[in-house]
C-alpha atoms as a PDB file:
ATOM      1  CA  MET A   1       0.000   0.000   0.000  1.00  0.00           C
ATOM      2  CA  LYS A   2       1.374   3.391  -0.982  1.00  0.00           C
ATOM      3  CA  LEU A   3       2.028   6.119   1.580  1.00  0.00           C
ATOM      4  CA  ARG A   4      -0.694   8.295   0.028  1.00  0.00           C
ATOM      5  CA  GLU A   5      -3.248   5.511   0.466  1.00  0.00           C
ATOM      6  CA  ILE A   6      -2.156   4.955   4.060  1.00  0.00           C
ATOM      7  CA  MET A   7      -2.615   8.644   4.855  1.00  0.00           C
ATOM      8  CA  LYS A   8      -6.255   8.397   3.751  1.00  0.00           C
ATOM      9  CA  PHE A   9      -6.907   6.290   6.809  1.00  0.00           C
ATOM     10  CA  LYS A  10      -5.000   8.409   9.330  1.00  0.00           C
ATOM     11  CA  SER A  11      -8.131   9.059  11.399  1.00  0.00           C
ATOM     12  CA  THR A  12      -8.592   5.313  11.846  1.00  0.00           C
ATOM     13  CA  ILE A  13      -4.899   4.849  12.603  1.00  0.00           C
ATOM     14  CA  TYR A  14      -4.997   7.641  15.210  1.00  0.00           C
ATOM     15  CA  ALA A  15      -8.048   6.152  16.931  1.00  0.00           C
ATOM     16  CA  SER A  16      -6.593   2.628  17.014  1.00  0.00           C
ATOM     17  CA  PHE A  17      -3.268   3.951  18.303  1.00  0.00           C
ATOM     18  CA  LEU A  18      -5.066   5.898  21.052  1.00  0.00           C
ATOM     19  CA  PHE A  19      -6.980   2.818  22.174  1.00  0.00           C
ATOM     20  CA  LEU A  20      -3.920   0.556  22.214  1.00  0.00           C
ATOM     21  CA  THR A  21      -1.876   3.186  24.061  1.00  0.00           C
ATOM     22  CA  THR A  22      -4.595   3.627  26.682  1.00  0.00           C
ATOM     23  CA  LEU A  23      -4.919  -0.126  27.167  1.00  0.00           C
ATOM     24  CA  PHE A  24      -1.137  -0.573  27.461  1.00  0.00           C
ATOM     25  CA  THR A  25      -0.798   2.308  29.945  1.00  0.00           C
ATOM     26  CA  SER A  26      -3.635   0.951  32.079  1.00  0.00           C
ATOM     27  CA  THR A  27      -2.015  -2.482  32.104  1.00  0.00           C
ATOM     28  CA  GLN A  28       1.317  -1.101  33.258  1.00  0.00           C
ATOM     29  CA  SER A  29      -0.270   1.066  35.954  1.00  0.00           C
ATOM     30  CA  LEU A  30      -2.309  -1.764  37.413  1.00  0.00           C
ATOM     31  CA  SER A  31       0.632  -4.163  37.242  1.00  0.00           C
ATOM     32  CA  ALA A  32       2.598  -1.797  39.475  1.00  0.00           C
ATOM     33  CA  PHE A  33       0.080  -2.580  42.240  1.00  0.00           C
ATOM     34  CA  ASP A  34       0.335  -6.341  41.595  1.00  0.00           C
ATOM     35  CA  TYR A  35      -3.165  -6.304  40.188  1.00  0.00           C
ATOM     36  CA  ASP A  36      -4.089  -9.187  37.910  1.00  0.00           C
ATOM     37  CA  PHE A  37      -5.283  -7.097  34.965  1.00  0.00           C
ATOM     38  CA  GLY A  38      -8.336  -8.658  33.434  1.00  0.00           C
ATOM     39  CA  CYS A  39      -7.763 -12.193  34.669  1.00  0.00           C
ATOM     40  CA  SER A  40      -8.923 -12.304  38.265  1.00  0.00           C
ATOM     41  CA  ASP A  41     -11.509 -14.783  39.468  1.00  0.00           C
ATOM     42  CA  TYR A  42     -13.870 -12.095  40.701  1.00  0.00           C
ATOM     43  CA  GLY A  43     -15.384  -8.796  39.673  1.00  0.00           C
ATOM     44  CA  THR A  44     -17.658  -9.709  36.736  1.00  0.00           C
ATOM     45  CA  PRO A  45     -20.283 -12.407  36.140  1.00  0.00           C
ATOM     46  CA  TYR A  46     -18.553 -13.603  32.975  1.00  0.00           C
ATOM     47  CA  ASP A  47     -16.127 -16.174  34.402  1.00  0.00           C
ATOM     48  CA  GLU A  48     -18.311 -19.261  33.842  1.00  0.00           C
ATOM     49  CA  ALA A  49     -19.383 -19.057  30.195  1.00  0.00           C
ATOM     50  CA  LYS A  50     -16.543 -18.568  27.701  1.00  0.00           C
ATOM     51  CA  TRP A  51     -18.481 -17.954  24.492  1.00  0.00           C
ATOM     52  CA  SER A  52     -21.175 -15.413  23.691  1.00  0.00           C
ATOM     53  CA  LEU A  53     -23.517 -14.462  20.865  1.00  0.00           C
ATOM     54  CA  THR A  54     -24.953 -10.941  20.594  1.00  0.00           C
ATOM     55  CA  LEU A  55     -27.678  -9.672  18.260  1.00  0.00           C
ATOM     56  CA  ASN A  56     -28.062  -5.907  18.056  1.00  0.00           C
ATOM     57  CA  GLY A  57     -29.611  -3.111  16.054  1.00  0.00           C
ATOM     58  CA  GLY A  58     -29.856   0.654  16.102  1.00  0.00           C
ATOM     59  CA  VAL A  59     -29.070   3.833  14.217  1.00  0.00           C
ATOM     60  CA  SER A  60     -25.763   5.092  12.832  1.00  0.00           C
ATOM     61  CA  PRO A  61     -25.478   8.877  12.247  1.00  0.00           C
ATOM     62  CA  SER A  62     -22.643   9.555   9.774  1.00  0.00           C
ATOM     63  CA  TRP A  63     -20.596  12.499   8.520  1.00  0.00           C
ATOM     64  CA  PHE A  64     -18.307  13.218   5.569  1.00  0.00           C
ATOM     65  CA  GLN A  65     -15.285  14.751   7.312  1.00  0.00           C
ATOM     66  CA  ARG A  66     -13.580  16.590   4.436  1.00  0.00           C
ATOM     67  CA  LYS A  67     -16.093  17.421   1.720  1.00  0.00           C
ATOM     68  CA  GLY A  68     -14.673  18.256  -1.706  1.00  0.00           C
ATOM     69  CA  ARG A  69     -16.225  20.384  -4.422  1.00  0.00           C
ATOM     70  CA  ALA A  70     -18.343  18.987  -7.234  1.00  0.00           C
ATOM     71  CA  LEU A  71     -18.048  20.427 -10.757  1.00  0.00           C
ATOM     72  CA  TYR A  72     -21.222  21.150 -12.694  1.00  0.00           C
ATOM     73  CA  PHE A  73     -20.734  21.344 -16.480  1.00  0.00           C
ATOM     74  CA  ASN A  74     -23.317  22.458 -19.025  1.00  0.00           C
ATOM     75  CA  TYR A  75     -22.927  21.300 -22.626  1.00  0.00           C
ATOM     76  CA  SER A  76     -22.808  24.358 -24.858  1.00  0.00           C
ATOM     77  CA  GLY A  77     -24.069  22.834 -28.111  1.00  0.00           C
ATOM     78  CA  ASP A  78     -20.819  23.660 -29.958  1.00  0.00           C
ATOM     79  CA  ASP A  79     -19.041  20.537 -28.708  1.00  0.00           C
ATOM     80  CA  LEU A  80     -17.525  22.640 -25.950  1.00  0.00           C
ATOM     81  CA  PHE A  81     -18.190  22.653 -22.235  1.00  0.00           C
ATOM     82  CA  ALA A  82     -18.891  25.915 -20.469  1.00  0.00           C
ATOM     83  CA  ILE A  83     -16.802  26.956 -17.480  1.00  0.00           C
ATOM     84  CA  PRO A  84     -18.164  24.773 -14.663  1.00  0.00           C
ATOM     85  CA  THR A  85     -19.936  26.048 -11.615  1.00  0.00           C
ATOM     86  CA  THR A  86     -18.980  24.371  -8.348  1.00  0.00           C
ATOM     87  CA  HIS A  87     -20.640  23.451  -5.099  1.00  0.00           C
ATOM     88  CA  LYS A  88     -19.617  21.495  -2.035  1.00  0.00           C
ATOM     89  CA  THR A  89     -20.416  17.823  -1.714  1.00  0.00           C
ATOM     90  CA  PRO A  90     -23.665  17.673   0.291  1.00  0.00           C
ATOM     91  CA  ARG A  91     -23.514  16.522   3.884  1.00  0.00           C
ATOM     92  CA  PHE A  92     -24.198  12.837   4.490  1.00  0.00           C
ATOM     93  CA  SER A  93     -27.474  13.783   6.171  1.00  0.00           C
ATOM     94  CA  LYS A  94     -28.557  15.718   3.052  1.00  0.00           C
ATOM     95  CA  ALA A  95     -27.664  12.890   0.690  1.00  0.00           C
ATOM     96  CA  PHE A  96     -29.155  10.059   2.795  1.00  0.00           C
ATOM     97  CA  ASP A  97     -31.705   9.435   5.521  1.00  0.00           C
ATOM     98  CA  LEU A  98     -30.571   8.424   9.005  1.00  0.00           C
ATOM     99  CA  PRO A  99     -28.854   5.008   8.575  1.00  0.00           C
ATOM    100  CA  TRP A 100     -30.046   1.999  10.550  1.00  0.00           C
ATOM    101  CA  ASN A 101     -27.990  -1.114  11.176  1.00  0.00           C
ATOM    102  CA  LEU A 102     -28.263  -4.746  12.251  1.00  0.00           C
ATOM    103  CA  GLY A 103     -25.353  -6.776  13.590  1.00  0.00           C
ATOM    104  CA  ILE A 104     -24.229 -10.082  15.029  1.00  0.00           C
ATOM    105  CA  GLU A 105     -21.220 -10.550  17.297  1.00  0.00           C
ATOM    106  CA  PHE A 106     -19.324 -13.657  18.416  1.00  0.00           C
ATOM    107  CA  GLY A 107     -17.282 -13.244  21.594  1.00  0.00           C
ATOM    108  CA  TYR A 108     -14.761 -15.267  23.574  1.00  0.00           C
ATOM    109  CA  MET A 109     -13.924 -14.436  27.194  1.00  0.00           C
ATOM    110  CA  TYR A 110     -10.156 -14.673  27.458  1.00  0.00           C
ATOM    111  CA  CYS A 111     -10.723 -14.239  31.180  1.00  0.00           C
ATOM    112  CA  ASP A 112     -13.480 -12.747  33.326  1.00  0.00           C
ATOM    113  CA  ARG A 113     -12.659  -9.169  32.281  1.00  0.00           C
ATOM    114  CA  LEU A 114     -11.130  -9.334  28.808  1.00  0.00           C
ATOM    115  CA  GLU A 115     -13.185 -10.388  25.779  1.00  0.00           C
ATOM    116  CA  LEU A 116     -12.103 -10.979  22.176  1.00  0.00           C
ATOM    117  CA  PHE A 117     -14.785 -10.690  19.518  1.00  0.00           C
ATOM    118  CA  ALA A 118     -15.650 -10.661  15.828  1.00  0.00           C
ATOM    119  CA  ASP A 119     -18.687  -8.804  14.551  1.00  0.00           C
ATOM    120  CA  PHE A 120     -20.586  -8.429  11.278  1.00  0.00           C
ATOM    121  CA  ASN A 121     -22.905  -5.511  10.516  1.00  0.00           C
ATOM    122  CA  TYR A 122     -25.269  -4.401   7.777  1.00  0.00           C
ATOM    123  CA  THR A 123     -26.104  -0.690   7.422  1.00  0.00           C
ATOM    124  CA  GLN A 124     -28.693   0.896   5.141  1.00  0.00           C
ATOM    125  CA  ALA A 125     -30.105   4.361   4.493  1.00  0.00           C
ATOM    126  CA  GLY A 126     -32.576   5.659   1.947  1.00  0.00           C
ATOM    127  CA  GLY A 127     -31.378   8.183  -0.629  1.00  0.00           C
ATOM    128  CA  ARG A 128     -32.713  11.731  -0.724  1.00  0.00           C
ATOM    129  CA  HIS A 129     -33.382  14.390  -3.361  1.00  0.00           C
ATOM    130  CA  HIS A 130     -30.756  17.068  -3.899  1.00  0.00           C
ATOM    131  CA  SER A 131     -30.985  20.232  -6.036  1.00  0.00           C
ATOM    132  CA  TYR A 132     -28.051  21.755  -7.902  1.00  0.00           C
ATOM    133  CA  LYS A 133     -28.047  25.530  -8.136  1.00  0.00           C
ATOM    134  CA  THR A 134     -26.227  27.255 -10.989  1.00  0.00           C
ATOM    135  CA  SER A 135     -25.897  30.802 -12.301  1.00  0.00           C
ATOM    136  CA  ASP A 136     -28.007  29.844 -15.328  1.00  0.00           C
ATOM    137  CA  VAL A 137     -31.506  30.764 -14.164  1.00  0.00           C
ATOM    138  CA  SER A 138     -33.069  28.972 -17.165  1.00  0.00           C
ATOM    139  CA  LEU A 139     -31.634  25.645 -16.028  1.00  0.00           C
ATOM    140  CA  ALA A 140     -32.789  23.576 -13.054  1.00  0.00           C
ATOM    141  CA  SER A 141     -31.451  20.152 -12.083  1.00  0.00           C
ATOM    142  CA  LYS A 142     -32.522  17.773  -9.332  1.00  0.00           C
ATOM    143  CA  GLU A 143     -30.936  14.470  -8.387  1.00  0.00           C
ATOM    144  CA  LYS A 144     -32.432  11.479  -6.599  1.00  0.00           C
ATOM    145  CA  ILE A 145     -29.628   9.603  -4.859  1.00  0.00           C
ATOM    146  CA  GLY A 146     -29.897   5.824  -4.500  1.00  0.00           C
ATOM    147  CA  HIS A 147     -29.913   3.809  -1.281  1.00  0.00           C
ATOM    148  CA  TYR A 148     -26.790   3.549   0.868  1.00  0.00           C
ATOM    149  CA  ARG A 149     -25.776  -0.004   1.795  1.00  0.00           C
ATOM    150  CA  ALA A 150     -22.648  -1.126   3.642  1.00  0.00           C
ATOM    151  CA  TYR A 151     -21.350  -4.427   5.034  1.00  0.00           C
ATOM    152  CA  ASP A 152     -18.546  -4.548   7.586  1.00  0.00           C
ATOM    153  CA  PHE A 153     -16.469  -7.070   9.501  1.00  0.00           C
ATOM    154  CA  TYR A 154     -14.323  -6.329  12.566  1.00  0.00           C
ATOM    155  CA  LEU A 155     -12.010  -8.020  15.037  1.00  0.00           C
ATOM    156  CA  GLY A 156     -11.709  -6.372  18.428  1.00  0.00           C
ATOM    157  CA  THR A 157     -11.224  -6.564  22.159  1.00  0.00           C
ATOM    158  CA  ARG A 158     -13.308  -5.340  25.090  1.00  0.00           C
ATOM    159  CA  TYR A 159     -12.530  -4.746  28.761  1.00  0.00           C
ATOM    160  CA  TYR A 160     -15.207  -5.085  31.459  1.00  0.00           C
ATOM    161  CA  LEU A 161     -15.118  -2.888  34.569  1.00  0.00           C
ATOM    162  CA  PHE A 162     -16.524  -3.645  38.031  1.00  0.00           C
ATOM    163  CA  PRO A 163     -20.314  -4.099  38.082  1.00  0.00           C
ATOM    164  CA  VAL A 164     -22.402  -1.152  39.246  1.00  0.00           C
ATOM    165  CA  PHE A 165     -25.586  -1.659  41.292  1.00  0.00           C
ATOM    166  CA  SER A 166     -24.903  -5.417  41.191  1.00  0.00           C
ATOM    167  CA  ASN A 167     -26.151  -6.070  37.658  1.00  0.00           C
ATOM    168  CA  LEU A 168     -24.832  -3.212  35.450  1.00  0.00           C
ATOM    169  CA  THR A 169     -21.412  -3.986  33.942  1.00  0.00           C
ATOM    170  CA  PRO A 170     -19.707  -1.109  32.044  1.00  0.00           C
ATOM    171  CA  PHE A 171     -17.187  -1.848  29.293  1.00  0.00           C
ATOM    172  CA  PHE A 172     -14.993  -0.158  26.705  1.00  0.00           C
ATOM    173  CA  GLY A 173     -13.000  -1.446  23.748  1.00  0.00           C
ATOM    174  CA  GLY A 174     -11.800  -1.044  20.199  1.00  0.00           C
ATOM    175  CA  LYS A 175     -11.895  -2.841  16.872  1.00  0.00           C
ATOM    176  CA  VAL A 176     -10.458  -2.736  13.373  1.00  0.00           C
ATOM    177  CA  GLY A 177     -11.669  -4.296  10.135  1.00  0.00           C
ATOM    178  CA  LEU A 178     -13.046  -3.698   6.662  1.00  0.00           C
ATOM    179  CA  VAL A 179     -16.193  -2.075   5.293  1.00  0.00           C
ATOM    180  CA  THR A 180     -17.655  -2.678   1.829  1.00  0.00           C
ATOM    181  CA  ARG A 181     -19.969   0.001   0.424  1.00  0.00           C
ATOM    182  CA  ASP A 182     -22.288  -0.591  -2.523  1.00  0.00           C
ATOM    183  CA  LYS A 183     -22.242   1.607  -5.615  1.00  0.00           C
ATOM    184  CA  ILE A 184     -24.524   4.626  -5.341  1.00  0.00           C
ATOM    185  CA  ARG A 185     -26.532   5.430  -8.444  1.00  0.00           C
ATOM    186  CA  GLY A 186     -28.153   8.779  -9.074  1.00  0.00           C
ATOM    187  CA  SER A 187     -31.026   9.836 -11.300  1.00  0.00           C
ATOM    188  CA  THR A 188     -30.861  13.453 -12.475  1.00  0.00           C
ATOM    189  CA  ARG A 189     -33.627  15.378 -14.202  1.00  0.00           C
ATOM    190  CA  THR A 190     -32.739  18.652 -15.894  1.00  0.00           C
ATOM    191  CA  VAL A 191     -35.430  21.137 -16.864  1.00  0.00           C
ATOM    192  CA  VAL A 192     -34.663  23.965 -19.290  1.00  0.00           C
ATOM    193  CA  ALA A 193     -37.040  26.906 -19.783  1.00  0.00           C
ATOM    194  CA  ASP A 194     -39.967  26.055 -22.095  1.00  0.00           C
ATOM    195  CA  THR A 195     -39.117  22.316 -22.171  1.00  0.00           C
ATOM    196  CA  SER A 196     -40.465  19.296 -20.343  1.00  0.00           C
ATOM    197  CA  GLY A 197     -36.972  18.344 -19.223  1.00  0.00           C
ATOM    198  CA  VAL A 198     -34.691  15.381 -19.817  1.00  0.00           C
ATOM    199  CA  GLY A 199     -33.541  12.742 -17.326  1.00  0.00           C
ATOM    200  CA  HIS A 200     -30.431  10.589 -17.189  1.00  0.00           C
ATOM    201  CA  LYS A 201     -28.791   8.165 -14.766  1.00  0.00           C
ATOM    202  CA  HIS A 202     -25.216   8.103 -13.538  1.00  0.00           C
ATOM    203  CA  THR A 203     -22.955   6.697 -10.829  1.00  0.00           C
ATOM    204  CA  HIS A 204     -22.537   8.953  -7.797  1.00  0.00           C
ATOM    205  CA  PHE A 205     -20.045   6.828  -5.824  1.00  0.00           C
ATOM    206  CA  ARG A 206     -18.259   3.645  -6.838  1.00  0.00           C
ATOM    207  CA  SER A 207     -18.470   0.461  -4.802  1.00  0.00           C
ATOM    208  CA  ASP A 208     -15.362  -0.004  -2.695  1.00  0.00           C
ATOM    209  CA  THR A 209     -13.805  -1.797   0.269  1.00  0.00           C
ATOM    210  CA  THR A 210     -11.696   0.139   2.744  1.00  0.00           C
ATOM    211  CA  ILE A 211     -10.147  -0.142   6.198  1.00  0.00           C
ATOM    212  CA  SER A 212     -12.307   0.850   9.147  1.00  0.00           C
ATOM    213  CA  GLY A 213     -12.062   0.890  12.913  1.00  0.00           C
ATOM    214  CA  GLY A 214     -12.663   2.794  16.112  1.00  0.00           C
ATOM    215  CA  LEU A 215     -13.669   2.787  19.768  1.00  0.00           C
ATOM    216  CA  HIS A 216     -16.772   1.895  21.730  1.00  0.00           C
ATOM    217  CA  ALA A 217     -18.198   2.005  25.242  1.00  0.00           C
ATOM    218  CA  GLY A 218     -21.370   0.735  26.819  1.00  0.00           C
ATOM    219  CA  VAL A 219     -23.015  -1.193  29.599  1.00  0.00           C
ATOM    220  CA  ASN A 220     -24.513  -4.668  30.028  1.00  0.00           C
ATOM    221  CA  TRP A 221     -27.649  -5.101  32.093  1.00  0.00           C
ATOM    222  CA  ASP A 222     -27.139  -8.627  33.403  1.00  0.00           C
ATOM    223  CA  LEU A 223     -30.486 -10.389  33.687  1.00  0.00           C
ATOM    224  CA  SER A 224     -28.780 -13.658  34.659  1.00  0.00           C
ATOM    225  CA  ALA A 225     -25.380 -15.343  34.411  1.00  0.00           C
ATOM    226  CA  ASN A 226     -26.071 -16.088  30.741  1.00  0.00           C
ATOM    227  CA  LEU A 227     -28.368 -13.339  29.467  1.00  0.00           C
ATOM    228  CA  SER A 228     -27.718  -9.591  29.202  1.00  0.00           C
ATOM    229  CA  VAL A 229     -29.202  -6.532  27.525  1.00  0.00           C
ATOM    230  CA  THR A 230     -26.425  -4.458  25.920  1.00  0.00           C
ATOM    231  CA  LEU A 231     -26.436  -0.719  25.221  1.00  0.00           C
ATOM    232  CA  LYS A 232     -23.425   0.467  23.198  1.00  0.00           C
ATOM    233  CA  ALA A 233     -22.170   3.641  21.499  1.00  0.00           C
ATOM    234  CA  GLU A 234     -19.285   3.647  18.997  1.00  0.00           C
ATOM    235  CA  ALA A 235     -17.119   6.066  17.030  1.00  0.00           C
ATOM    236  CA  ILE A 236     -16.071   4.418  13.757  1.00  0.00           C
ATOM    237  CA  TRP A 237     -13.823   5.931  11.091  1.00  0.00           C
ATOM    238  CA  SER A 238     -13.579   4.532   7.562  1.00  0.00           C
ATOM    239  CA  GLY A 239     -11.603   5.552   4.489  1.00  0.00           C
ATOM    240  CA  ASP A 240     -12.608   7.984   1.741  1.00  0.00           C
ATOM    241  CA  TRP A 241     -15.479   7.014  -0.535  1.00  0.00           C
ATOM    242  CA  ARG A 242     -14.416   7.113  -4.193  1.00  0.00           C
ATOM    243  CA  PRO A 243     -16.581   9.476  -6.277  1.00  0.00           C
ATOM    244  CA  THR A 244     -16.971   9.173 -10.030  1.00  0.00           C
ATOM    245  CA  VAL A 245     -14.814  11.266 -12.348  1.00  0.00           C
ATOM    246  CA  ASP A 246     -15.802  13.298 -15.406  1.00  0.00           C
ATOM    247  CA  ARG A 247     -14.720  10.682 -17.941  1.00  0.00           C
ATOM    248  CA  GLU A 248     -16.875   7.976 -16.372  1.00  0.00           C
ATOM    249  CA  GLU A 249     -19.734  10.390 -15.751  1.00  0.00           C
ATOM    250  CA  GLY A 250     -19.735  11.537 -19.383  1.00  0.00           C
ATOM    251  CA  SER A 251     -19.725   8.008 -20.765  1.00  0.00           C
ATOM    252  CA  SER A 252     -22.692   7.035 -18.601  1.00  0.00           C
ATOM    253  CA  THR A 253     -24.972   9.768 -19.928  1.00  0.00           C
ATOM    254  CA  SER A 254     -26.272  10.899 -23.284  1.00  0.00           C
ATOM    255  CA  VAL A 255     -25.277  14.520 -22.745  1.00  0.00           C
ATOM    256  CA  VAL A 256     -23.420  15.073 -26.024  1.00  0.00           C
ATOM    257  CA  GLU A 257     -26.122  13.495 -28.199  1.00  0.00           C
ATOM    258  CA  THR A 258     -29.033  15.355 -26.635  1.00  0.00           C
ATOM    259  CA  PRO A 259     -30.283  18.655 -28.053  1.00  0.00           C
ATOM    260  CA  VAL A 260     -31.155  19.887 -24.560  1.00  0.00           C
ATOM    261  CA  SER A 261     -28.239  21.028 -22.408  1.00  0.00           C
ATOM    262  CA  LEU A 262     -27.792  18.358 -19.744  1.00  0.00           C
ATOM    263  CA  PRO A 263     -25.214  18.773 -16.988  1.00  0.00           C
ATOM    264  CA  ILE A 264     -22.218  16.570 -16.374  1.00  0.00           C
ATOM    265  CA  ILE A 265     -21.520  16.390 -12.647  1.00  0.00           C
ATOM    266  CA  VAL A 266     -18.061  15.490 -11.384  1.00  0.00           C
ATOM    267  CA  HIS A 267     -18.803  14.547  -7.788  1.00  0.00           C
ATOM    268  CA  GLY A 268     -16.541  15.811  -5.004  1.00  0.00           C
ATOM    269  CA  LYS A 269     -14.657  13.750  -2.455  1.00  0.00           C
ATOM    270  CA  THR A 270     -16.038  12.857   0.962  1.00  0.00           C
ATOM    271  CA  GLY A 271     -12.887  12.535   3.044  1.00  0.00           C
ATOM    272  CA  PRO A 272     -12.891   9.902   5.820  1.00  0.00           C
ATOM    273  CA  ILE A 273     -16.381   8.985   7.016  1.00  0.00           C
ATOM    274  CA  LEU A 274     -17.209   9.124  10.725  1.00  0.00           C
ATOM    275  CA  SER A 275     -20.108   6.994  11.970  1.00  0.00           C
ATOM    276  CA  VAL A 276     -21.498   6.922  15.503  1.00  0.00           C
ATOM    277  CA  PRO A 277     -23.622   3.759  15.824  1.00  0.00           C
ATOM    278  CA  VAL A 278     -25.855   3.554  18.904  1.00  0.00           C
ATOM    279  CA  THR A 279     -27.247   0.053  19.331  1.00  0.00           C
ATOM    280  CA  LEU A 280     -29.324  -2.053  21.688  1.00  0.00           C
ATOM    281  CA  GLY A 281     -28.778  -5.807  21.773  1.00  0.00           C
ATOM    282  CA  ILE A 282     -29.253  -9.140  23.505  1.00  0.00           C
ATOM    283  CA  ARG A 283     -26.134 -11.055  24.646  1.00  0.00           C
ATOM    284  CA  TYR A 284     -26.320 -14.775  25.371  1.00  0.00           C
ATOM    285  CA  ALA A 285     -23.323 -16.490  26.993  1.00  0.00           C
ATOM    286  CA  PHE A 286     -22.741 -20.242  26.864  1.00  0.00           C
END
C-alpha cells in the first residue's frame, strides 16, 4: 500500500493507536500494584461461560469529514463545455436518511474481564433528493440519490469494569476491520425553460472496500449469568469514498447526443467517514 493511500486512513490509525496506548498504559499502571489485569476470578459475572452471541440493532449517524467540491458542467451545443460552476459535496445527512444497522457478534472471554470478539454488521439508508443551483436561471437540475448499503467485519477486544448496582457492567474497547460500500446510483432530471426536461442516470459513488475501525463504550444489564441486555455507542472511522470522475460520468450519460443542455456532474470527495452507531442488543453467553 502506498504512503498516500495509508494517509487516507490516518483518522482510523490515530483512533486505534489511542486505544492501544490507553490499554497498554492501564495495564502497566495496574501491574505496578500487583493487580491481575483482566484475569482475576472475581469482579464480573462472565467467568463461567466462555463464548457469547450478541444480536443488536440501532441507528448510525454519519458524517463526511472533508467534503470536496463537485463540478457542474453544461454542454454548450458547440461541442464545448462551459466553465463549470462548483458546489460542495452535500452533507451525508442531506444525501441520505438516518442510517439503521443490524449486527451479530461472536465473543470469547479470554478471562473474566477481557473479551475478544468478531462482529458483522449491515447498514442501510434511503437516498434523498438534492438540487443543484447554478448561475443559469433557465436551467434547473434535481438528483435522486440511490440507497446507501454497507457491510462490515471487525475483530476487536473489550474490557469489562466492576459491576455497578450489582447487575450493570460497564465496558470499553476497540476494533479494526473492513467495510464494503455498494455503488450509489443517481437519477438526475434537468429542466430547461420552455421544455419538459430530460432525465439521465449516472454513478454517484463507486463500490469499494476500505479499512475501518474505532472505539466503543457501553453497559450490560445482566439479567442472569447467561443473558444480558447491551447498550453500546461507537465512534467508527472509515476511508474515503471514491466518487466518479468526469470521464466515467460523461460516458454514462447521453449529454453530447441530446439537443437539450444536460449537466455533467463530477462529484466531489467525501474525506474519511465518521459513523457513531448507537445500538441495543441481547447477549447470550454459553
